[in-house]
Each structure stands twice: as structure tokens, then as C-alpha cells.
Amino acid sequence: MTQPPVHGTHEYVDDDRNRDVVIYVRGELKRRNEAVVSVFDAGFVLGDGIWEGLRVHHGHPAFLDEHLDRLYEGAKAIAVDIGLSRDEMRSAIYQTLEANQMTEGVHVRLMVTRGVKATPYQDPRVTVGPATIVIIPEYKEPKPAVTEHGIRLFTVHVRRPYPDVLDPKLNVHSKLNDITACIQAYTAGADEALMLDPHGFVATCNSTHFFIVRRGELWTSSGAFCLGGITRGKVLEVAREAGIATYEKQFSLTDVYGADEAFVTGTFAGLAPVREVDGRPIGAGGEKPITDRLRALYLDAVAADVAAAGTR
């Protein structure tokens, strides 16, 4: 039976309500067609900024504390003064959701750039304004084909960099290596790219984290060359709590090709199965019991987190 095309874990169902969303821009709420930043903004000129993606359930962004930890740590690492405290940032996110009356099926893109520059030049000292903060909420649900049929990966020649080139732990706007990886993957007919580390071991995907299941064991990369993924960390946590043997380790494509199951994780789609890597079908008969179990456990963790947020 021919599988329908998927085109990656960030494929979403179109929603007409997004034409009228209200967006937070530098402390003000703007209609979508009025939500703009300066052409001199460091994010536009240089990709100089950090960001987070959030999923909203029952009116609350899941794992918001962990996302804010990563945002503020990233800002400190690249010497950006966000200008808002954590509590103020949390309030800005909720203010934006409430202005849109959004509670479910929502994805939020939170972006912080260094701010407006006096001239389009890279030196941070020519920044003349405060940090630019943008919060874009959208009604966004993954296309059903993503979780029903899984995605196809292609191993690209673009490698994950060493920390002294561009630290993979930074969730920054500068994503050109991931973009070129994505281009190579879809040009080859796949949905997303599987990326190796500089030593040739499996690292991560261009926009998600990668896992395999072998003989009941859950494997993912050592984490040395990938972003500290929030969903990745939660999946590892719930797997260990469930008694599943879980390893963060170096492994090769040979291990991947012989895997019983594979899946990717990300804030937007949660857990999405991988049905093919480099033209090799993963597993037999489409069965994915560990993936399905972990998806259910992850959704339970999401529900527990947002329930706790509602009592604060």
C-alpha cells in the first residue's frame, strides 16, 4: 500500500484563524499584518538571537520552566540582556495567549534578538536599543500523516559542528547548517535530514532529535552534538521511570539500519515514528510498540505539567 507524502514533522494543518492572530512585538500587541521589526534588527541583519517553541495545552505552555531555563541560559551565553525577568516573560506569554483567547492546539514561537543596530554590522556594541522580543501564537496541529505513517530520513553530508564552531547547545537564530541539511534531504526525496557528528556517529536531525529501539533498548546520541531538547529530555525521563533500558551513547548508521523502531522528538509534533532511513525500512510490519508506549507516557507527562501550572 502506497504511503502518503509527509514532508516532515513540522507540516501542519492550515487554520484560517491564524489570519487574525495578535502578536506580541517589543511590548505591544499587534495584528498579524502590523507585526513587524526594523530592517536594522540584529535578528534580521545577522540572525543574532535566541528562540523557543512552546506547545499550549489547556491554556498553559507545556514545560515552560524548562524552556525559560534554556532561553535565559542562551541569552547569558551570547551576552544578550533580555530586559524582562522570567516572571515578566511568563506574563507576556500568557498575555499574548489571553489576547487571542487561545487554550488548545496552539504553538508559540518566542524570539529574542539583540535589538536594533545603528548600522548593519556584526559588532554587538553598535546595538542602539533594547532586545527585541516577539511572541507569535498560532493555531497549529501536526498533520495526521506524521504520526500515523512516520517520516523518511536521509543522512546528509552536512555535519553537526564542534562547540568551538557553533555550540549545538545554543538555540540560536543562526540555523544555516540545519537549513542546508534540510535542503539536501528533501532534494533526495526524504522528509528530514539525519545528521552525523564530526566523528561520523549519529547526532540528531535538522529540526528534531533522533532515537532508535534495538532489542527493547532505547538509544539516542550522547548529546554532545545536539541541542538540549526539552522533549528529548522528557522522553528519556519517562522511559527510565517506566523501566525501559535507556542509553545516551555513540552509535553508527549500521545500528540505525538494523533497528527495530526509530522515532524523532520535538516540541511541535511530540514523538513521530521514522519509517525509513536512507531507503532502508525500519522495523518489520509497521509495528512500533516502544514508540507508541513512549508517546503515551510523554503525553501523560505533558498533562501532569500543565495541570500543575494551573494550580500556581
C-alpha atoms as a PDB file:
ATOM      1  CA  MET A   1       0.000   0.000   0.000  1.00  0.00           C
ATOM      2  CA  THR A   2       1.433   3.365  -1.011  1.00  0.00           C
ATOM      3  CA  GLN A   3       2.094   5.693   1.902  1.00  0.00           C
ATOM      4  CA  PRO A   4       1.008   9.337   1.517  1.00  0.00           C
ATOM      5  CA  PRO A   5       3.687  12.035   1.473  1.00  0.00           C
ATOM      6  CA  VAL A   6       4.572  13.566   4.838  1.00  0.00           C
ATOM      7  CA  HIS A   7       7.206  16.288   4.283  1.00  0.00           C
ATOM      8  CA  GLY A   8       8.487  16.458   7.845  1.00  0.00           C
ATOM      9  CA  THR A   9       7.364  16.762  11.438  1.00  0.00           C
ATOM     10  CA  HIS A  10       6.584  20.469  11.140  1.00  0.00           C
ATOM     11  CA  GLU A  11       3.907  20.007   8.480  1.00  0.00           C
ATOM     12  CA  TYR A  12       0.723  21.437   9.937  1.00  0.00           C
ATOM     13  CA  VAL A  13      -2.989  21.657   9.291  1.00  0.00           C
ATOM     14  CA  ASP A  14      -3.959  25.054   7.848  1.00  0.00           C
ATOM     15  CA  ASP A  15      -6.203  27.087  10.147  1.00  0.00           C
ATOM     16  CA  ASP A  16      -7.967  30.230   8.942  1.00  0.00           C
ATOM     17  CA  ARG A  17      -7.981  31.645  12.479  1.00  0.00           C
ATOM     18  CA  ASN A  18      -4.276  32.403  12.115  1.00  0.00           C
ATOM     19  CA  ARG A  19      -5.059  35.288   9.746  1.00  0.00           C
ATOM     20  CA  ASP A  20      -6.353  37.311  12.679  1.00  0.00           C
ATOM     21  CA  VAL A  21      -3.921  36.431  15.473  1.00  0.00           C
ATOM     22  CA  VAL A  22      -2.487  39.109  17.736  1.00  0.00           C
ATOM     23  CA  ILE A  23       1.315  39.055  18.084  1.00  0.00           C
ATOM     24  CA  TYR A  24       3.491  40.464  20.859  1.00  0.00           C
ATOM     25  CA  VAL A  25       6.196  42.748  19.413  1.00  0.00           C
ATOM     26  CA  ARG A  26       8.516  44.745  21.688  1.00  0.00           C
ATOM     27  CA  GLY A  27       5.938  45.075  24.461  1.00  0.00           C
ATOM     28  CA  GLU A  28       2.908  45.768  22.260  1.00  0.00           C
ATOM     29  CA  LEU A  29       0.190  43.550  20.841  1.00  0.00           C
ATOM     30  CA  LYS A  30      -0.096  43.906  17.056  1.00  0.00           C
ATOM     31  CA  ARG A  31      -2.336  42.415  14.423  1.00  0.00           C
ATOM     32  CA  ARG A  32      -0.571  39.959  12.156  1.00  0.00           C
ATOM     33  CA  ASN A  33      -0.239  42.391   9.250  1.00  0.00           C
ATOM     34  CA  GLU A  34       1.162  45.067  11.579  1.00  0.00           C
ATOM     35  CA  ALA A  35       3.614  42.829  13.447  1.00  0.00           C
ATOM     36  CA  VAL A  36       6.976  43.935  12.048  1.00  0.00           C
ATOM     37  CA  VAL A  37      10.522  44.620  13.227  1.00  0.00           C
ATOM     38  CA  SER A  38      13.146  47.002  11.911  1.00  0.00           C
ATOM     39  CA  VAL A  39      15.337  46.092   8.941  1.00  0.00           C
ATOM     40  CA  PHE A  40      18.185  47.114  11.277  1.00  0.00           C
ATOM     41  CA  ASP A  41      17.210  44.489  13.859  1.00  0.00           C
ATOM     42  CA  ALA A  42      20.090  42.186  14.751  1.00  0.00           C
ATOM     43  CA  GLY A  43      17.900  39.159  14.151  1.00  0.00           C
ATOM     44  CA  PHE A  44      17.183  40.215  10.579  1.00  0.00           C
ATOM     45  CA  VAL A  45      20.669  41.529   9.784  1.00  0.00           C
ATOM     46  CA  LEU A  46      22.704  38.738  11.376  1.00  0.00           C
ATOM     47  CA  GLY A  47      20.489  36.019  12.827  1.00  0.00           C
ATOM     48  CA  ASP A  48      21.680  37.282  16.215  1.00  0.00           C
ATOM     49  CA  GLY A  49      19.159  35.952  18.692  1.00  0.00           C
ATOM     50  CA  ILE A  50      17.684  33.017  20.566  1.00  0.00           C
ATOM     51  CA  TRP A  51      14.268  31.387  20.486  1.00  0.00           C
ATOM     52  CA  GLU A  52      11.946  28.771  21.938  1.00  0.00           C
ATOM     53  CA  GLY A  53       8.980  26.836  20.603  1.00  0.00           C
ATOM     54  CA  LEU A  54       6.123  26.126  23.019  1.00  0.00           C
ATOM     55  CA  ARG A  55       3.057  23.865  22.834  1.00  0.00           C
ATOM     56  CA  VAL A  56      -0.048  25.056  24.654  1.00  0.00           C
ATOM     57  CA  HIS A  57      -2.452  22.623  26.322  1.00  0.00           C
ATOM     58  CA  HIS A  58      -5.441  23.642  28.450  1.00  0.00           C
ATOM     59  CA  GLY A  59      -4.243  27.230  28.369  1.00  0.00           C
ATOM     60  CA  HIS A  60      -0.696  26.542  29.563  1.00  0.00           C
ATOM     61  CA  PRO A  61       2.608  26.141  27.685  1.00  0.00           C
ATOM     62  CA  ALA A  62       3.983  22.670  28.465  1.00  0.00           C
ATOM     63  CA  PHE A  63       7.300  22.556  30.342  1.00  0.00           C
ATOM     64  CA  LEU A  64       7.528  26.341  30.355  1.00  0.00           C
ATOM     65  CA  ASP A  65      10.086  26.399  33.183  1.00  0.00           C
ATOM     66  CA  GLU A  66      12.480  24.225  31.198  1.00  0.00           C
ATOM     67  CA  HIS A  67      12.029  26.353  28.074  1.00  0.00           C
ATOM     68  CA  LEU A  68      12.698  29.543  30.026  1.00  0.00           C
ATOM     69  CA  ASP A  69      15.790  27.944  31.580  1.00  0.00           C
ATOM     70  CA  ARG A  70      17.165  27.304  28.092  1.00  0.00           C
ATOM     71  CA  LEU A  71      16.197  30.758  26.826  1.00  0.00           C
ATOM     72  CA  TYR A  72      17.864  32.657  29.663  1.00  0.00           C
ATOM     73  CA  GLU A  73      20.945  30.436  29.658  1.00  0.00           C
ATOM     74  CA  GLY A  74      21.298  31.038  25.914  1.00  0.00           C
ATOM     75  CA  ALA A  75      20.910  34.787  26.392  1.00  0.00           C
ATOM     76  CA  LYS A  76      23.631  34.764  29.021  1.00  0.00           C
ATOM     77  CA  ALA A  77      25.941  32.750  26.776  1.00  0.00           C
ATOM     78  CA  ILE A  78      25.683  35.254  23.903  1.00  0.00           C
ATOM     79  CA  ALA A  79      25.608  38.311  26.209  1.00  0.00           C
ATOM     80  CA  VAL A  80      22.058  39.442  25.406  1.00  0.00           C
ATOM     81  CA  ASP A  81      20.138  41.342  28.065  1.00  0.00           C
ATOM     82  CA  ILE A  82      16.568  40.184  27.514  1.00  0.00           C
ATOM     83  CA  GLY A  83      15.250  43.099  29.533  1.00  0.00           C
ATOM     84  CA  LEU A  84      12.447  41.105  31.145  1.00  0.00           C
ATOM     85  CA  SER A  85      12.613  38.924  34.221  1.00  0.00           C
ATOM     86  CA  ARG A  86      11.432  35.318  33.973  1.00  0.00           C
ATOM     87  CA  ASP A  87       8.158  36.266  35.648  1.00  0.00           C
ATOM     88  CA  GLU A  88       7.695  39.181  33.256  1.00  0.00           C
ATOM     89  CA  MET A  89       8.392  36.930  30.282  1.00  0.00           C
ATOM     90  CA  ARG A  90       5.926  34.374  31.586  1.00  0.00           C
ATOM     91  CA  SER A  91       3.330  37.141  31.935  1.00  0.00           C
ATOM     92  CA  ALA A  92       3.987  38.346  28.374  1.00  0.00           C
ATOM     93  CA  ILE A  93       3.388  34.828  27.035  1.00  0.00           C
ATOM     94  CA  TYR A  94       0.109  34.461  28.931  1.00  0.00           C
ATOM     95  CA  GLN A  95      -0.932  37.997  27.969  1.00  0.00           C
ATOM     96  CA  THR A  96      -0.487  37.056  24.308  1.00  0.00           C
ATOM     97  CA  LEU A  97      -2.460  33.828  24.678  1.00  0.00           C
ATOM     98  CA  GLU A  98      -5.264  35.574  26.538  1.00  0.00           C
ATOM     99  CA  ALA A  99      -5.462  38.350  23.923  1.00  0.00           C
ATOM    100  CA  ASN A 100      -6.087  35.611  21.346  1.00  0.00           C
ATOM    101  CA  GLN A 101      -8.334  33.549  23.648  1.00  0.00           C
ATOM    102  CA  MET A 102      -6.114  30.563  22.908  1.00  0.00           C
ATOM    103  CA  THR A 103      -6.162  27.458  25.087  1.00  0.00           C
ATOM    104  CA  GLU A 104      -5.595  24.352  22.935  1.00  0.00           C
ATOM    105  CA  GLY A 105      -3.939  23.232  19.698  1.00  0.00           C
ATOM    106  CA  VAL A 106      -1.583  26.192  19.827  1.00  0.00           C
ATOM    107  CA  HIS A 107       2.109  26.557  19.049  1.00  0.00           C
ATOM    108  CA  VAL A 108       4.043  29.613  20.236  1.00  0.00           C
ATOM    109  CA  ARG A 109       7.291  30.901  18.772  1.00  0.00           C
ATOM    110  CA  LEU A 110       9.143  33.033  21.334  1.00  0.00           C
ATOM    111  CA  MET A 111      12.033  35.006  19.829  1.00  0.00           C
ATOM    112  CA  VAL A 112      14.569  37.354  21.371  1.00  0.00           C
ATOM    113  CA  THR A 113      17.135  39.254  19.314  1.00  0.00           C
ATOM    114  CA  ARG A 114      19.882  41.605  20.424  1.00  0.00           C
ATOM    115  CA  GLY A 115      17.839  44.564  19.206  1.00  0.00           C
ATOM    116  CA  VAL A 116      18.104  47.366  16.667  1.00  0.00           C
ATOM    117  CA  LYS A 117      21.558  48.272  15.360  1.00  0.00           C
ATOM    118  CA  ALA A 118      22.875  51.691  14.383  1.00  0.00           C
ATOM    119  CA  THR A 119      24.241  50.148  11.198  1.00  0.00           C
ATOM    120  CA  PRO A 120      24.099  46.650   9.676  1.00  0.00           C
ATOM    121  CA  TYR A 121      27.316  45.341  11.209  1.00  0.00           C
ATOM    122  CA  GLN A 122      28.037  42.346  13.423  1.00  0.00           C
ATOM    123  CA  ASP A 123      29.678  44.055  16.440  1.00  0.00           C
ATOM    124  CA  PRO A 124      27.164  43.853  19.331  1.00  0.00           C
ATOM    125  CA  ARG A 125      28.344  47.242  20.557  1.00  0.00           C
ATOM    126  CA  VAL A 126      26.582  49.021  17.696  1.00  0.00           C
ATOM    127  CA  THR A 127      23.209  47.887  19.050  1.00  0.00           C
ATOM    128  CA  VAL A 128      21.270  51.018  19.983  1.00  0.00           C
ATOM    129  CA  GLY A 129      18.077  49.699  21.511  1.00  0.00           C
ATOM    130  CA  PRO A 130      16.811  47.079  23.957  1.00  0.00           C
ATOM    131  CA  ALA A 131      16.381  43.449  22.996  1.00  0.00           C
ATOM    132  CA  THR A 132      13.579  42.741  20.542  1.00  0.00           C
ATOM    133  CA  ILE A 133      11.040  40.268  21.951  1.00  0.00           C
ATOM    134  CA  VAL A 134       8.454  38.705  19.657  1.00  0.00           C
ATOM    135  CA  ILE A 135       5.817  36.138  20.670  1.00  0.00           C
ATOM    136  CA  ILE A 136       3.906  34.541  17.777  1.00  0.00           C
ATOM    137  CA  PRO A 137       0.987  32.268  18.753  1.00  0.00           C
ATOM    138  CA  GLU A 138      -0.664  30.168  16.063  1.00  0.00           C
ATOM    139  CA  TYR A 139      -3.328  27.519  15.904  1.00  0.00           C
ATOM    140  CA  LYS A 140      -1.164  24.631  14.747  1.00  0.00           C
ATOM    141  CA  GLU A 141      -1.659  20.905  14.790  1.00  0.00           C
ATOM    142  CA  PRO A 142       0.674  18.384  13.122  1.00  0.00           C
ATOM    143  CA  LYS A 143      -0.741  16.707  10.045  1.00  0.00           C
ATOM    144  CA  PRO A 144      -2.087  13.257  10.977  1.00  0.00           C
ATOM    145  CA  ALA A 145       0.194  11.567   8.436  1.00  0.00           C
ATOM    146  CA  VAL A 146       3.193  12.499  10.561  1.00  0.00           C
ATOM    147  CA  THR A 147       2.222  10.294  13.495  1.00  0.00           C
ATOM    148  CA  GLU A 148       0.160   7.759  11.539  1.00  0.00           C
ATOM    149  CA  HIS A 149       2.695   6.860   8.856  1.00  0.00           C
ATOM    150  CA  GLY A 150       6.018   8.244  10.064  1.00  0.00           C
ATOM    151  CA  ILE A 151       8.724  10.138   8.238  1.00  0.00           C
ATOM    152  CA  ARG A 152      11.600   9.284   5.938  1.00  0.00           C
ATOM    153  CA  LEU A 153      15.127  10.403   6.823  1.00  0.00           C
ATOM    154  CA  PHE A 154      18.183  10.843   4.623  1.00  0.00           C
ATOM    155  CA  THR A 155      21.698  11.043   6.031  1.00  0.00           C
ATOM    156  CA  VAL A 156      23.286  14.241   4.759  1.00  0.00           C
ATOM    157  CA  HIS A 157      26.905  15.292   4.366  1.00  0.00           C
ATOM    158  CA  VAL A 158      26.328  18.416   6.500  1.00  0.00           C
ATOM    159  CA  ARG A 159      27.711  17.626   9.958  1.00  0.00           C
ATOM    160  CA  ARG A 160      26.841  18.956  13.370  1.00  0.00           C
ATOM    161  CA  PRO A 161      29.579  21.399  14.405  1.00  0.00           C
ATOM    162  CA  TYR A 162      32.047  21.313  17.268  1.00  0.00           C
ATOM    163  CA  PRO A 163      31.181  23.667  20.155  1.00  0.00           C
ATOM    164  CA  ASP A 164      34.080  25.950  19.201  1.00  0.00           C
ATOM    165  CA  VAL A 165      32.488  26.492  15.756  1.00  0.00           C
ATOM    166  CA  LEU A 166      28.845  26.953  16.816  1.00  0.00           C
ATOM    167  CA  ASP A 167      27.845  25.391  20.105  1.00  0.00           C
ATOM    168  CA  PRO A 168      24.993  22.937  19.387  1.00  0.00           C
ATOM    169  CA  LYS A 169      23.593  23.678  22.853  1.00  0.00           C
ATOM    170  CA  LEU A 170      22.619  27.200  21.769  1.00  0.00           C
ATOM    171  CA  ASN A 171      19.097  27.507  20.375  1.00  0.00           C
ATOM    172  CA  VAL A 172      20.032  30.482  18.208  1.00  0.00           C
ATOM    173  CA  HIS A 173      18.523  32.025  15.097  1.00  0.00           C
ATOM    174  CA  SER A 174      21.612  31.072  13.074  1.00  0.00           C
ATOM    175  CA  LYS A 175      20.370  27.772  11.597  1.00  0.00           C
ATOM    176  CA  LEU A 176      22.023  27.757   8.194  1.00  0.00           C
ATOM    177  CA  ASN A 177      23.752  24.405   8.672  1.00  0.00           C
ATOM    178  CA  ASP A 178      20.406  22.818   9.567  1.00  0.00           C
ATOM    179  CA  ILE A 179      18.744  24.530   6.611  1.00  0.00           C
ATOM    180  CA  THR A 180      21.338  23.219   4.155  1.00  0.00           C
ATOM    181  CA  ALA A 181      20.905  19.765   5.679  1.00  0.00           C
ATOM    182  CA  CYS A 182      17.146  20.007   5.204  1.00  0.00           C
ATOM    183  CA  ILE A 183      17.591  21.073   1.578  1.00  0.00           C
ATOM    184  CA  GLN A 184      19.840  18.105   0.856  1.00  0.00           C
ATOM    185  CA  ALA A 185      17.340  15.730   2.483  1.00  0.00           C
ATOM    186  CA  TYR A 186      14.233  16.889   0.649  1.00  0.00           C
ATOM    187  CA  THR A 187      16.137  17.143  -2.626  1.00  0.00           C
ATOM    188  CA  ALA A 188      16.943  13.455  -2.127  1.00  0.00           C
ATOM    189  CA  GLY A 189      13.230  12.709  -1.648  1.00  0.00           C
ATOM    190  CA  ALA A 190      13.198  12.409   2.146  1.00  0.00           C
ATOM    191  CA  ASP A 191      11.222  14.394   4.725  1.00  0.00           C
ATOM    192  CA  GLU A 192      14.034  15.463   7.048  1.00  0.00           C
ATOM    193  CA  ALA A 193      17.787  15.147   7.434  1.00  0.00           C
ATOM    194  CA  LEU A 194      19.665  12.788   9.705  1.00  0.00           C
ATOM    195  CA  MET A 195      22.926  14.483  10.709  1.00  0.00           C
ATOM    196  CA  LEU A 196      26.155  12.907  11.919  1.00  0.00           C
ATOM    197  CA  ASP A 197      28.638  14.352  14.382  1.00  0.00           C
ATOM    198  CA  PRO A 198      32.182  15.265  13.285  1.00  0.00           C
ATOM    199  CA  HIS A 199      33.311  11.696  14.087  1.00  0.00           C
ATOM    200  CA  GLY A 200      30.694  10.026  11.888  1.00  0.00           C
ATOM    201  CA  PHE A 201      28.360   8.895  14.656  1.00  0.00           C
ATOM    202  CA  VAL A 202      24.637   9.665  14.590  1.00  0.00           C
ATOM    203  CA  ALA A 203      23.894  13.027  16.223  1.00  0.00           C
ATOM    204  CA  THR A 204      20.437  14.436  15.530  1.00  0.00           C
ATOM    205  CA  CYS A 205      18.073  15.596  12.781  1.00  0.00           C
ATOM    206  CA  ASN A 206      17.914  19.048  11.264  1.00  0.00           C
ATOM    207  CA  SER A 207      14.977  20.094  13.482  1.00  0.00           C
ATOM    208  CA  THR A 208      14.262  17.142  15.777  1.00  0.00           C
ATOM    209  CA  HIS A 209      16.085  14.608  17.964  1.00  0.00           C
ATOM    210  CA  PHE A 210      16.584  11.008  16.856  1.00  0.00           C
ATOM    211  CA  PHE A 211      16.034   7.741  18.745  1.00  0.00           C
ATOM    212  CA  ILE A 212      16.231   4.073  17.846  1.00  0.00           C
ATOM    213  CA  VAL A 213      14.979   0.935  19.566  1.00  0.00           C
ATOM    214  CA  ARG A 214      17.098  -2.213  19.449  1.00  0.00           C
ATOM    215  CA  ARG A 215      16.041  -5.402  21.241  1.00  0.00           C
ATOM    216  CA  GLY A 216      13.860  -3.471  23.649  1.00  0.00           C
ATOM    217  CA  GLU A 217      16.537  -0.886  24.449  1.00  0.00           C
ATOM    218  CA  LEU A 218      16.171   2.832  23.733  1.00  0.00           C
ATOM    219  CA  TRP A 219      19.213   4.539  22.192  1.00  0.00           C
ATOM    220  CA  THR A 220      19.873   8.168  21.392  1.00  0.00           C
ATOM    221  CA  SER A 221      23.051  10.089  20.745  1.00  0.00           C
ATOM    222  CA  SER A 222      25.445  11.095  23.504  1.00  0.00           C
ATOM    223  CA  GLY A 223      24.000  14.587  23.293  1.00  0.00           C
ATOM    224  CA  ALA A 224      27.408  16.165  22.735  1.00  0.00           C
ATOM    225  CA  PHE A 225      26.485  17.495  19.293  1.00  0.00           C
ATOM    226  CA  CYS A 226      22.802  18.312  19.625  1.00  0.00           C
ATOM    227  CA  LEU A 227      20.605  20.852  21.318  1.00  0.00           C
ATOM    228  CA  GLY A 228      19.486  20.063  24.837  1.00  0.00           C
ATOM    229  CA  GLY A 229      15.983  19.196  23.640  1.00  0.00           C
ATOM    230  CA  ILE A 230      13.145  19.602  26.131  1.00  0.00           C
ATOM    231  CA  THR A 231      11.051  16.831  24.556  1.00  0.00           C
ATOM    232  CA  ARG A 232      14.162  14.661  24.182  1.00  0.00           C
ATOM    233  CA  GLY A 233      14.867  15.021  27.890  1.00  0.00           C
ATOM    234  CA  LYS A 234      11.286  14.257  28.882  1.00  0.00           C
ATOM    235  CA  VAL A 235      11.218  11.115  26.735  1.00  0.00           C
ATOM    236  CA  LEU A 236      14.434   9.901  28.350  1.00  0.00           C
ATOM    237  CA  GLU A 237      12.949  10.646  31.768  1.00  0.00           C
ATOM    238  CA  VAL A 238       9.660   8.804  31.237  1.00  0.00           C
ATOM    239  CA  ALA A 239      11.461   5.857  29.602  1.00  0.00           C
ATOM    240  CA  ARG A 240      13.718   5.391  32.621  1.00  0.00           C
ATOM    241  CA  GLU A 241      10.797   5.737  35.011  1.00  0.00           C
ATOM    242  CA  ALA A 242       8.981   3.022  33.021  1.00  0.00           C
ATOM    243  CA  GLY A 243      11.937   0.653  33.367  1.00  0.00           C
ATOM    244  CA  ILE A 244      12.981   0.781  29.713  1.00  0.00           C
ATOM    245  CA  ALA A 245      16.738   0.320  29.302  1.00  0.00           C
ATOM    246  CA  THR A 246      17.853   3.714  28.009  1.00  0.00           C
ATOM    247  CA  TYR A 247      21.252   4.766  26.656  1.00  0.00           C
ATOM    248  CA  GLU A 248      22.778   8.038  25.520  1.00  0.00           C
ATOM    249  CA  LYS A 249      25.722   6.801  23.502  1.00  0.00           C
ATOM    250  CA  GLN A 250      27.664   6.865  20.258  1.00  0.00           C
ATOM    251  CA  PHE A 251      26.257   4.636  17.546  1.00  0.00           C
ATOM    252  CA  SER A 252      26.595   4.345  13.796  1.00  0.00           C
ATOM    253  CA  LEU A 253      24.313   4.143  10.785  1.00  0.00           C
ATOM    254  CA  THR A 254      24.751   0.375  10.787  1.00  0.00           C
ATOM    255  CA  ASP A 255      22.995   0.320  14.164  1.00  0.00           C
ATOM    256  CA  VAL A 256      20.252   2.510  12.723  1.00  0.00           C
ATOM    257  CA  TYR A 257      19.640   0.338   9.665  1.00  0.00           C
ATOM    258  CA  GLY A 258      19.218  -2.711  11.898  1.00  0.00           C
ATOM    259  CA  ALA A 259      16.923  -1.016  14.417  1.00  0.00           C
ATOM    260  CA  ASP A 260      13.535  -2.444  15.360  1.00  0.00           C
ATOM    261  CA  GLU A 261      11.997   1.032  15.652  1.00  0.00           C
ATOM    262  CA  ALA A 262      13.030   4.645  15.233  1.00  0.00           C
ATOM    263  CA  PHE A 263      11.375   7.935  16.057  1.00  0.00           C
ATOM    264  CA  VAL A 264      12.116  11.630  16.395  1.00  0.00           C
ATOM    265  CA  THR A 265      11.105  14.071  19.100  1.00  0.00           C
ATOM    266  CA  GLY A 266      10.290  17.761  19.065  1.00  0.00           C
ATOM    267  CA  THR A 267       8.093  20.298  20.803  1.00  0.00           C
ATOM    268  CA  PHE A 268       5.660  20.626  17.892  1.00  0.00           C
ATOM    269  CA  ALA A 269       4.816  17.012  16.998  1.00  0.00           C
ATOM    270  CA  GLY A 270       5.964  15.272  20.180  1.00  0.00           C
ATOM    271  CA  LEU A 271       7.029  11.764  19.109  1.00  0.00           C
ATOM    272  CA  ALA A 272       6.864  10.908  15.403  1.00  0.00           C
ATOM    273  CA  PRO A 273       7.852   7.480  14.064  1.00  0.00           C
ATOM    274  CA  VAL A 274      10.532   7.057  11.418  1.00  0.00           C
ATOM    275  CA  ARG A 275       9.597   4.518   8.781  1.00  0.00           C
ATOM    276  CA  GLU A 276      12.676   4.758   6.572  1.00  0.00           C
ATOM    277  CA  VAL A 277      16.321   5.868   6.760  1.00  0.00           C
ATOM    278  CA  ASP A 278      18.380   6.143   3.575  1.00  0.00           C
ATOM    279  CA  GLY A 279      15.904   3.939   1.736  1.00  0.00           C
ATOM    280  CA  ARG A 280      16.030   1.187   4.392  1.00  0.00           C
ATOM    281  CA  PRO A 281      12.695   0.360   6.025  1.00  0.00           C
ATOM    282  CA  ILE A 282      12.919   0.473   9.814  1.00  0.00           C
ATOM    283  CA  GLY A 283      11.399  -2.467  11.653  1.00  0.00           C
ATOM    284  CA  ALA A 284       9.053  -5.089  10.298  1.00  0.00           C
ATOM    285  CA  GLY A 285       5.351  -4.898   9.635  1.00  0.00           C
ATOM    286  CA  GLY A 286       4.966  -1.364  10.850  1.00  0.00           C
ATOM    287  CA  GLU A 287       4.828  -2.421  14.493  1.00  0.00           C
ATOM    288  CA  LYS A 288       6.230   0.171  16.933  1.00  0.00           C
ATOM    289  CA  PRO A 289       5.250  -0.852  20.479  1.00  0.00           C
ATOM    290  CA  ILE A 290       8.004   1.063  22.292  1.00  0.00           C
ATOM    291  CA  THR A 291       7.353   4.226  20.283  1.00  0.00           C
ATOM    292  CA  ASP A 292       3.626   4.015  20.979  1.00  0.00           C
ATOM    293  CA  ARG A 293       4.212   3.384  24.685  1.00  0.00           C
ATOM    294  CA  LEU A 294       6.615   6.300  24.985  1.00  0.00           C
ATOM    295  CA  ARG A 295       4.225   8.626  23.153  1.00  0.00           C
ATOM    296  CA  ALA A 296       1.516   7.788  25.684  1.00  0.00           C
ATOM    297  CA  LEU A 297       3.907   8.297  28.608  1.00  0.00           C
ATOM    298  CA  TYR A 298       5.086  11.608  27.185  1.00  0.00           C
ATOM    299  CA  LEU A 299       1.505  12.845  26.784  1.00  0.00           C
ATOM    300  CA  ASP A 300       0.874  11.879  30.408  1.00  0.00           C
ATOM    301  CA  ALA A 301       3.903  13.987  31.405  1.00  0.00           C
ATOM    302  CA  VAL A 302       2.543  16.931  29.396  1.00  0.00           C
ATOM    303  CA  ALA A 303      -0.836  16.605  31.093  1.00  0.00           C
ATOM    304  CA  ALA A 304       0.775  16.485  34.545  1.00  0.00           C
ATOM    305  CA  ASP A 305       2.878  19.567  33.836  1.00  0.00           C
ATOM    306  CA  VAL A 306       0.013  21.719  32.569  1.00  0.00           C
ATOM    307  CA  ALA A 307      -2.202  20.555  35.429  1.00  0.00           C
ATOM    308  CA  ALA A 308       0.464  21.708  37.883  1.00  0.00           C
ATOM    309  CA  ALA A 309       0.751  25.024  36.026  1.00  0.00           C
ATOM    310  CA  GLY A 310      -2.954  25.574  36.507  1.00  0.00           C
ATOM    311  CA  THR A 311      -2.587  25.415  40.304  1.00  0.00           C
ATOM    312  CA  ARG A 312       0.145  28.063  40.524  1.00  0.00           C
END
